[in-house]
Amino acid sequence: LDTLVYQPSSIDRAKLIDEAMRKRPEYRQARL
């Protein structure tokens, strides 16, 4: 399907890094 349309995004950059630390498997692998 053609999904090449513009939809404005809302990014809360203050919370992104904390979310990434919780969900990135590479970080969990490094700690393990």
PDB file of all heavy atoms in Angstrom:
ATOM      1  N   LEU A   1       0.836  -1.194   0.000  1.00  0.00           N
ATOM      2  CA  LEU A   1       0.000   0.000   0.000  1.00  0.00           C
ATOM      3  C   LEU A   1       0.873   1.246   0.000  1.00  0.00           C
ATOM      4  O   LEU A   1       2.015   1.222   0.476  1.00  0.00           O
ATOM      5  CB  LEU A   1      -0.915   0.003   1.230  1.00  0.00           C
ATOM      6  CG  LEU A   1      -1.939  -1.130   1.331  1.00  0.00           C
ATOM      7  CD1 LEU A   1      -2.676  -1.047   2.665  1.00  0.00           C
ATOM      8  CD2 LEU A   1      -2.920  -1.078   0.174  1.00  0.00           C
ATOM      9  N   ASP A   2       0.338   2.336  -0.508  1.00  0.00           N
ATOM     10  CA  ASP A   2       1.070   3.599  -0.524  1.00  0.00           C
ATOM     11  C   ASP A   2       0.905   4.282   0.834  1.00  0.00           C
ATOM     12  O   ASP A   2      -0.173   4.767   1.182  1.00  0.00           O
ATOM     13  CB  ASP A   2       0.542   4.503  -1.647  1.00  0.00           C
ATOM     14  CG  ASP A   2       1.377   5.783  -1.774  1.00  0.00           C
ATOM     15  OD1 ASP A   2       2.381   5.906  -1.042  1.00  0.00           O
ATOM     16  OD2 ASP A   2       1.021   6.648  -2.594  1.00  0.00           O
ATOM     17  N   THR A   3       1.973   4.283   1.625  1.00  0.00           N
ATOM     18  CA  THR A   3       1.951   4.925   2.942  1.00  0.00           C
ATOM     19  C   THR A   3       2.843   6.154   2.975  1.00  0.00           C
ATOM     20  O   THR A   3       3.150   6.662   4.054  1.00  0.00           O
ATOM     21  CB  THR A   3       2.425   3.926   4.020  1.00  0.00           C
ATOM     22  OG1 THR A   3       3.771   3.507   3.723  1.00  0.00           O
ATOM     23  CG2 THR A   3       1.513   2.715   4.071  1.00  0.00           C
ATOM     24  N   LEU A   4       3.240   6.630   1.798  1.00  0.00           N
ATOM     25  CA  LEU A   4       4.163   7.758   1.741  1.00  0.00           C
ATOM     26  C   LEU A   4       3.387   9.065   1.890  1.00  0.00           C
ATOM     27  O   LEU A   4       3.269   9.864   0.953  1.00  0.00           O
ATOM     28  CB  LEU A   4       4.931   7.738   0.412  1.00  0.00           C
ATOM     29  CG  LEU A   4       6.369   8.291   0.473  1.00  0.00           C
ATOM     30  CD1 LEU A   4       7.193   7.467   1.437  1.00  0.00           C
ATOM     31  CD2 LEU A   4       6.993   8.264  -0.909  1.00  0.00           C
ATOM     32  N   VAL A   5       2.864   9.250   3.086  1.00  0.00           N
ATOM     33  CA  VAL A   5       2.130  10.475   3.414  1.00  0.00           C
ATOM     34  C   VAL A   5       2.726  11.055   4.683  1.00  0.00           C
ATOM     35  O   VAL A   5       3.343  10.346   5.495  1.00  0.00           O
ATOM     36  CB  VAL A   5       0.625  10.189   3.602  1.00  0.00           C
ATOM     37  CG1 VAL A   5       0.005   9.750   2.292  1.00  0.00           C
ATOM     38  CG2 VAL A   5       0.397   9.138   4.679  1.00  0.00           C
ATOM     39  N   TYR A   6       2.523  12.352   4.841  1.00  0.00           N
ATOM     40  CA  TYR A   6       3.088  13.037   6.002  1.00  0.00           C
ATOM     41  C   TYR A   6       2.081  13.093   7.129  1.00  0.00           C
ATOM     42  O   TYR A   6       0.952  13.552   6.955  1.00  0.00           O
ATOM     43  CB  TYR A   6       3.516  14.453   5.619  1.00  0.00           C
ATOM     44  CG  TYR A   6       3.930  15.295   6.804  1.00  0.00           C
ATOM     45  CD1 TYR A   6       4.981  14.895   7.640  1.00  0.00           C
ATOM     46  CD2 TYR A   6       3.258  16.475   7.110  1.00  0.00           C
ATOM     47  CE1 TYR A   6       5.354  15.656   8.726  1.00  0.00           C
ATOM     48  CE2 TYR A   6       3.633  17.246   8.198  1.00  0.00           C
ATOM     49  CZ  TYR A   6       4.671  16.828   9.001  1.00  0.00           C
ATOM     50  OH  TYR A   6       5.038  17.587  10.094  1.00  0.00           O
ATOM     51  N   GLN A   7       2.485  12.587   8.285  1.00  0.00           N
ATOM     52  CA  GLN A   7       1.691  12.664   9.490  1.00  0.00           C
ATOM     53  C   GLN A   7       2.558  13.263  10.585  1.00  0.00           C
ATOM     54  O   GLN A   7       3.587  12.671  10.960  1.00  0.00           O
ATOM     55  CB  GLN A   7       1.183  11.285   9.914  1.00  0.00           C
ATOM     56  CG  GLN A   7       0.212  10.643   8.929  1.00  0.00           C
ATOM     57  CD  GLN A   7      -0.183   9.245   9.342  1.00  0.00           C
ATOM     58  OE1 GLN A   7       0.468   8.614  10.175  1.00  0.00           O
ATOM     59  NE2 GLN A   7      -1.255   8.743   8.756  1.00  0.00           N
ATOM     60  N   PRO A   8       2.216  14.443  11.079  1.00  0.00           N
ATOM     61  CA  PRO A   8       3.070  15.085  12.090  1.00  0.00           C
ATOM     62  C   PRO A   8       3.302  14.175  13.290  1.00  0.00           C
ATOM     63  O   PRO A   8       2.399  13.461  13.734  1.00  0.00           O
ATOM     64  CB  PRO A   8       2.273  16.337  12.475  1.00  0.00           C
ATOM     65  CG  PRO A   8       1.371  16.597  11.300  1.00  0.00           C
ATOM     66  CD  PRO A   8       1.040  15.246  10.742  1.00  0.00           C
ATOM     67  N   SER A   9       4.518  14.175  13.783  1.00  0.00           N
ATOM     68  CA  SER A   9       4.886  13.328  14.923  1.00  0.00           C
ATOM     69  C   SER A   9       5.149  14.198  16.140  1.00  0.00           C
ATOM     70  O   SER A   9       5.573  15.356  16.021  1.00  0.00           O
ATOM     71  CB  SER A   9       6.141  12.505  14.594  1.00  0.00           C
ATOM     72  OG  SER A   9       7.238  13.366  14.366  1.00  0.00           O
ATOM     73  N   SER A  10       4.869  13.636  17.293  1.00  0.00           N
ATOM     74  CA  SER A  10       5.154  14.325  18.561  1.00  0.00           C
ATOM     75  C   SER A  10       6.197  13.515  19.313  1.00  0.00           C
ATOM     76  O   SER A  10       5.979  12.349  19.638  1.00  0.00           O
ATOM     77  CB  SER A  10       3.878  14.467  19.398  1.00  0.00           C
ATOM     78  OG  SER A  10       3.311  13.202  19.656  1.00  0.00           O
ATOM     79  N   ILE A  11       7.340  14.122  19.544  1.00  0.00           N
ATOM     80  CA  ILE A  11       8.463  13.435  20.179  1.00  0.00           C
ATOM     81  C   ILE A  11       8.811  14.144  21.481  1.00  0.00           C
ATOM     82  O   ILE A  11       9.131  15.339  21.478  1.00  0.00           O
ATOM     83  CB  ILE A  11       9.694  13.405  19.250  1.00  0.00           C
ATOM     84  CG1 ILE A  11       9.357  12.659  17.961  1.00  0.00           C
ATOM     85  CG2 ILE A  11      10.882  12.771  19.953  1.00  0.00           C
ATOM     86  CD1 ILE A  11      10.502  12.645  16.969  1.00  0.00           C
ATOM     87  N   ASP A  12       8.716  13.424  22.578  1.00  0.00           N
ATOM     88  CA  ASP A  12       9.120  13.943  23.881  1.00  0.00           C
ATOM     89  C   ASP A  12      10.563  13.504  24.128  1.00  0.00           C
ATOM     90  O   ASP A  12      10.827  12.425  24.655  1.00  0.00           O
ATOM     91  CB  ASP A  12       8.192  13.422  24.975  1.00  0.00           C
ATOM     92  CG  ASP A  12       8.469  14.068  26.332  1.00  0.00           C
ATOM     93  OD1 ASP A  12       9.412  14.883  26.412  1.00  0.00           O
ATOM     94  OD2 ASP A  12       7.743  13.761  27.302  1.00  0.00           O
ATOM     95  N   ARG A  13      11.486  14.327  23.731  1.00  0.00           N
ATOM     96  CA  ARG A  13      12.901  13.935  23.768  1.00  0.00           C
ATOM     97  C   ARG A  13      13.405  13.748  25.189  1.00  0.00           C
ATOM     98  O   ARG A  13      14.411  13.072  25.404  1.00  0.00           O
ATOM     99  CB  ARG A  13      13.742  14.972  23.018  1.00  0.00           C
ATOM    100  CG  ARG A  13      13.376  15.074  21.541  1.00  0.00           C
ATOM    101  CD  ARG A  13      14.155  16.130  20.821  1.00  0.00           C
ATOM    102  NE  ARG A  13      15.571  15.889  20.823  1.00  0.00           N
ATOM    103  CZ  ARG A  13      16.466  16.680  20.226  1.00  0.00           C
ATOM    104  NH1 ARG A  13      16.052  17.751  19.561  1.00  0.00           N
ATOM    105  NH2 ARG A  13      17.743  16.400  20.279  1.00  0.00           N
ATOM    106  N   ALA A  14      12.733  14.339  26.166  1.00  0.00           N
ATOM    107  CA  ALA A  14      13.193  14.195  27.551  1.00  0.00           C
ATOM    108  C   ALA A  14      13.025  12.767  28.058  1.00  0.00           C
ATOM    109  O   ALA A  14      13.761  12.327  28.943  1.00  0.00           O
ATOM    110  CB  ALA A  14      12.439  15.163  28.456  1.00  0.00           C
ATOM    111  N   LYS A  15      12.062  12.035  27.503  1.00  0.00           N
ATOM    112  CA  LYS A  15      11.794  10.678  27.980  1.00  0.00           C
ATOM    113  C   LYS A  15      12.373   9.597  27.071  1.00  0.00           C
ATOM    114  O   LYS A  15      12.292   8.418  27.404  1.00  0.00           O
ATOM    115  CB  LYS A  15      10.276  10.468  28.100  1.00  0.00           C
ATOM    116  CG  LYS A  15       9.598  11.405  29.085  1.00  0.00           C
ATOM    117  CD  LYS A  15       8.103  11.130  29.139  1.00  0.00           C
ATOM    118  CE  LYS A  15       7.399  12.058  30.123  1.00  0.00           C
ATOM    119  NZ  LYS A  15       5.936  11.824  30.167  1.00  0.00           N
ATOM    120  N   LEU A  16      12.923  10.013  25.933  1.00  0.00           N
ATOM    121  CA  LEU A  16      13.345   9.007  24.963  1.00  0.00           C
ATOM    122  C   LEU A  16      14.496   8.154  25.474  1.00  0.00           C
ATOM    123  O   LEU A  16      14.499   6.935  25.308  1.00  0.00           O
ATOM    124  CB  LEU A  16      13.741   9.696  23.649  1.00  0.00           C
ATOM    125  CG  LEU A  16      12.615  10.388  22.878  1.00  0.00           C
ATOM    126  CD1 LEU A  16      13.133  10.932  21.561  1.00  0.00           C
ATOM    127  CD2 LEU A  16      11.465   9.415  22.633  1.00  0.00           C
ATOM    128  N   ILE A  17      15.489   8.783  26.065  1.00  0.00           N
ATOM    129  CA  ILE A  17      16.686   8.032  26.477  1.00  0.00           C
ATOM    130  C   ILE A  17      16.341   7.029  27.573  1.00  0.00           C
ATOM    131  O   ILE A  17      16.800   5.872  27.548  1.00  0.00           O
ATOM    132  CB  ILE A  17      17.791   9.005  26.928  1.00  0.00           C
ATOM    133  CG1 ILE A  17      18.274   9.844  25.731  1.00  0.00           C
ATOM    134  CG2 ILE A  17      18.950   8.243  27.555  1.00  0.00           C
ATOM    135  CD1 ILE A  17      19.355  10.836  26.071  1.00  0.00           C
ATOM    136  N   ASP A  18      15.515   7.447  28.543  1.00  0.00           N
ATOM    137  CA  ASP A  18      15.121   6.506  29.606  1.00  0.00           C
ATOM    138  C   ASP A  18      14.357   5.321  29.018  1.00  0.00           C
ATOM    139  O   ASP A  18      14.562   4.173  29.436  1.00  0.00           O
ATOM    140  CB  ASP A  18      14.257   7.227  30.641  1.00  0.00           C
ATOM    141  CG  ASP A  18      15.058   8.250  31.445  1.00  0.00           C
ATOM    142  OD1 ASP A  18      16.290   8.112  31.495  1.00  0.00           O
ATOM    143  OD2 ASP A  18      14.447   9.184  31.993  1.00  0.00           O
ATOM    144  N   GLU A  19      13.492   5.595  28.075  1.00  0.00           N
ATOM    145  CA  GLU A  19      12.743   4.508  27.434  1.00  0.00           C
ATOM    146  C   GLU A  19      13.669   3.564  26.679  1.00  0.00           C
ATOM    147  O   GLU A  19      13.508   2.338  26.719  1.00  0.00           O
ATOM    148  CB  GLU A  19      11.694   5.090  26.488  1.00  0.00           C
ATOM    149  CG  GLU A  19      10.842   4.031  25.794  1.00  0.00           C
ATOM    150  CD  GLU A  19       9.807   4.645  24.866  1.00  0.00           C
ATOM    151  OE1 GLU A  19       9.706   5.893  24.832  1.00  0.00           O
ATOM    152  OE2 GLU A  19       9.116   3.874  24.166  1.00  0.00           O
ATOM    153  N   ALA A  20      14.651   4.151  25.993  1.00  0.00           N
ATOM    154  CA  ALA A  20      15.599   3.328  25.236  1.00  0.00           C
ATOM    155  C   ALA A  20      16.425   2.441  26.165  1.00  0.00           C
ATOM    156  O   ALA A  20      16.686   1.272  25.848  1.00  0.00           O
ATOM    157  CB  ALA A  20      16.514   4.215  24.403  1.00  0.00           C
ATOM    158  N   MET A  21      16.822   2.969  27.316  1.00  0.00           N
ATOM    159  CA  MET A  21      17.610   2.177  28.256  1.00  0.00           C
ATOM    160  C   MET A  21      16.808   0.992  28.788  1.00  0.00           C
ATOM    161  O   MET A  21      17.357  -0.067  29.079  1.00  0.00           O
ATOM    162  CB  MET A  21      18.076   3.050  29.421  1.00  0.00           C
ATOM    163  CG  MET A  21      19.127   4.073  29.038  1.00  0.00           C
ATOM    164  SD  MET A  21      20.636   3.324  28.380  1.00  0.00           S
ATOM    165  CE  MET A  21      21.566   4.780  27.992  1.00  0.00           C
ATOM    166  N   ARG A  22      15.502   1.154  28.891  1.00  0.00           N
ATOM    167  CA  ARG A  22      14.671   0.056  29.398  1.00  0.00           C
ATOM    168  C   ARG A  22      14.424  -1.000  28.337  1.00  0.00           C
ATOM    169  O   ARG A  22      14.300  -2.188  28.653  1.00  0.00           O
ATOM    170  CB  ARG A  22      13.332   0.593  29.901  1.00  0.00           C
ATOM    171  CG  ARG A  22      13.400   1.445  31.142  1.00  0.00           C
ATOM    172  CD  ARG A  22      12.012   1.625  31.751  1.00  0.00           C
ATOM    173  NE  ARG A  22      11.052   2.113  30.766  1.00  0.00           N
ATOM    174  CZ  ARG A  22      10.808   3.392  30.520  1.00  0.00           C
ATOM    175  NH1 ARG A  22      11.469   4.314  31.193  1.00  0.00           N
ATOM    176  NH2 ARG A  22       9.902   3.749  29.625  1.00  0.00           N
ATOM    177  N   LYS A  23      14.363  -0.599  27.074  1.00  0.00           N
ATOM    178  CA  LYS A  23      13.890  -1.509  26.039  1.00  0.00           C
ATOM    179  C   LYS A  23      14.980  -2.012  25.101  1.00  0.00           C
ATOM    180  O   LYS A  23      14.745  -3.013  24.405  1.00  0.00           O
ATOM    181  CB  LYS A  23      12.806  -0.810  25.207  1.00  0.00           C
ATOM    182  CG  LYS A  23      11.552  -0.497  25.994  1.00  0.00           C
ATOM    183  CD  LYS A  23      10.491   0.123  25.103  1.00  0.00           C
ATOM    184  CE  LYS A  23       9.201   0.392  25.862  1.00  0.00           C
ATOM    185  NZ  LYS A  23       8.170   1.002  25.006  1.00  0.00           N
ATOM    186  N   ARG A  24      16.128  -1.363  25.052  1.00  0.00           N
ATOM    187  CA  ARG A  24      17.145  -1.814  24.104  1.00  0.00           C
ATOM    188  C   ARG A  24      17.781  -3.117  24.575  1.00  0.00           C
ATOM    189  O   ARG A  24      18.361  -3.187  25.670  1.00  0.00           O
ATOM    190  CB  ARG A  24      18.231  -0.751  23.922  1.00  0.00           C
ATOM    191  CG  ARG A  24      17.842   0.415  23.055  1.00  0.00           C
ATOM    192  CD  ARG A  24      17.787   0.067  21.595  1.00  0.00           C
ATOM    193  NE  ARG A  24      19.093  -0.144  21.023  1.00  0.00           N
ATOM    194  CZ  ARG A  24      19.814   0.812  20.444  1.00  0.00           C
ATOM    195  NH1 ARG A  24      19.354   2.051  20.371  1.00  0.00           N
ATOM    196  NH2 ARG A  24      20.994   0.540  19.929  1.00  0.00           N
ATOM    197  N   PRO A  25      17.699  -4.197  23.781  1.00  0.00           N
ATOM    198  CA  PRO A  25      18.295  -5.466  24.205  1.00  0.00           C
ATOM    199  C   PRO A  25      19.813  -5.398  24.298  1.00  0.00           C
ATOM    200  O   PRO A  25      20.413  -6.140  25.082  1.00  0.00           O
ATOM    201  CB  PRO A  25      17.839  -6.445  23.115  1.00  0.00           C
ATOM    202  CG  PRO A  25      17.494  -5.594  21.943  1.00  0.00           C
ATOM    203  CD  PRO A  25      17.005  -4.304  22.498  1.00  0.00           C
ATOM    204  N   GLU A  26      20.451  -4.507  23.536  1.00  0.00           N
ATOM    205  CA  GLU A  26      21.914  -4.403  23.608  1.00  0.00           C
ATOM    206  C   GLU A  26      22.366  -3.979  25.007  1.00  0.00           C
ATOM    207  O   GLU A  26      23.385  -4.473  25.514  1.00  0.00           O
ATOM    208  CB  GLU A  26      22.441  -3.400  22.584  1.00  0.00           C
ATOM    209  CG  GLU A  26      22.150  -3.765  21.144  1.00  0.00           C
ATOM    210  CD  GLU A  26      20.932  -3.042  20.631  1.00  0.00           C
ATOM    211  OE1 GLU A  26      19.920  -3.019  21.361  1.00  0.00           O
ATOM    212  OE2 GLU A  26      20.993  -2.504  19.515  1.00  0.00           O
ATOM    213  N   TYR A  27      21.602  -3.074  25.622  1.00  0.00           N
ATOM    214  CA  TYR A  27      21.970  -2.622  26.960  1.00  0.00           C
ATOM    215  C   TYR A  27      21.790  -3.747  27.977  1.00  0.00           C
ATOM    216  O   TYR A  27      22.639  -3.947  28.858  1.00  0.00           O
ATOM    217  CB  TYR A  27      21.121  -1.413  27.341  1.00  0.00           C
ATOM    218  CG  TYR A  27      21.473  -0.813  28.684  1.00  0.00           C
ATOM    219  CD1 TYR A  27      22.726  -0.265  28.901  1.00  0.00           C
ATOM    220  CD2 TYR A  27      20.556  -0.807  29.734  1.00  0.00           C
ATOM    221  CE1 TYR A  27      23.060   0.276  30.133  1.00  0.00           C
ATOM    222  CE2 TYR A  27      20.874  -0.261  30.962  1.00  0.00           C
ATOM    223  CZ  TYR A  27      22.134   0.277  31.154  1.00  0.00           C
ATOM    224  OH  TYR A  27      22.465   0.817  32.373  1.00  0.00           O
ATOM    225  N   ARG A  28      20.687  -4.472  27.861  1.00  0.00           N
ATOM    226  CA  ARG A  28      20.486  -5.605  28.772  1.00  0.00           C
ATOM    227  C   ARG A  28      21.552  -6.668  28.551  1.00  0.00           C
ATOM    228  O   ARG A  28      22.013  -7.303  29.517  1.00  0.00           O
ATOM    229  CB  ARG A  28      19.087  -6.185  28.574  1.00  0.00           C
ATOM    230  CG  ARG A  28      17.966  -5.225  28.972  1.00  0.00           C
ATOM    231  CD  ARG A  28      16.634  -5.959  29.090  1.00  0.00           C
ATOM    232  NE  ARG A  28      16.178  -6.434  27.796  1.00  0.00           N
ATOM    233  CZ  ARG A  28      15.376  -5.758  26.985  1.00  0.00           C
ATOM    234  NH1 ARG A  28      14.961  -4.560  27.322  1.00  0.00           N
ATOM    235  NH2 ARG A  28      14.986  -6.274  25.830  1.00  0.00           N
ATOM    236  N   GLN A  29      21.938  -6.890  27.306  1.00  0.00           N
ATOM    237  CA  GLN A  29      22.995  -7.863  27.036  1.00  0.00           C
ATOM    238  C   GLN A  29      24.315  -7.446  27.677  1.00  0.00           C
ATOM    239  O   GLN A  29      25.021  -8.272  28.270  1.00  0.00           O
ATOM    240  CB  GLN A  29      23.185  -8.013  25.527  1.00  0.00           C
ATOM    241  CG  GLN A  29      22.125  -8.853  24.847  1.00  0.00           C
ATOM    242  CD  GLN A  29      22.387  -8.983  23.365  1.00  0.00           C
ATOM    243  OE1 GLN A  29      22.822  -8.051  22.694  1.00  0.00           O
ATOM    244  NE2 GLN A  29      22.120 -10.154  22.816  1.00  0.00           N
ATOM    245  N   ALA A  30      24.662  -6.158  27.559  1.00  0.00           N
ATOM    246  CA  ALA A  30      25.918  -5.680  28.140  1.00  0.00           C
ATOM    247  C   ALA A  30      25.923  -5.873  29.654  1.00  0.00           C
ATOM    248  O   ALA A  30      26.936  -6.297  30.242  1.00  0.00           O
ATOM    249  CB  ALA A  30      26.130  -4.211  27.775  1.00  0.00           C
ATOM    250  N   ARG A  31      24.806  -5.589  30.297  1.00  0.00           N
ATOM    251  CA  ARG A  31      24.737  -5.761  31.753  1.00  0.00           C
ATOM    252  C   ARG A  31      24.790  -7.233  32.140  1.00  0.00           C
ATOM    253  O   ARG A  31      25.434  -7.603  33.142  1.00  0.00           O
ATOM    254  CB  ARG A  31      23.454  -5.112  32.278  1.00  0.00           C
ATOM    255  CG  ARG A  31      23.411  -3.606  32.069  1.00  0.00           C
ATOM    256  CD  ARG A  31      22.276  -2.978  32.808  1.00  0.00           C
ATOM    257  NE  ARG A  31      22.334  -3.311  34.235  1.00  0.00           N
ATOM    258  CZ  ARG A  31      21.815  -2.528  35.185  1.00  0.00           C
ATOM    259  NH1 ARG A  31      21.246  -1.401  34.879  1.00  0.00           N
ATOM    260  NH2 ARG A  31      21.876  -2.903  36.446  1.00  0.00           N
ATOM    261  N   LEU A  32      24.123  -8.094  31.367  1.00  0.00           N
ATOM    262  CA  LEU A  32      24.165  -9.526  31.663  1.00  0.00           C
ATOM    263  C   LEU A  32      25.581 -10.079  31.499  1.00  0.00           C
ATOM    264  O   LEU A  32      26.027 -10.914  32.297  1.00  0.00           O
ATOM    265  CB  LEU A  32      23.194 -10.274  30.751  1.00  0.00           C
ATOM    266  CG  LEU A  32      21.706 -10.107  31.070  1.00  0.00           C
ATOM    267  CD1 LEU A  32      20.855 -10.658  29.945  1.00  0.00           C
ATOM    268  CD2 LEU A  32      21.354 -10.801  32.388  1.00  0.00           C
TER     269      LEU A  32
END
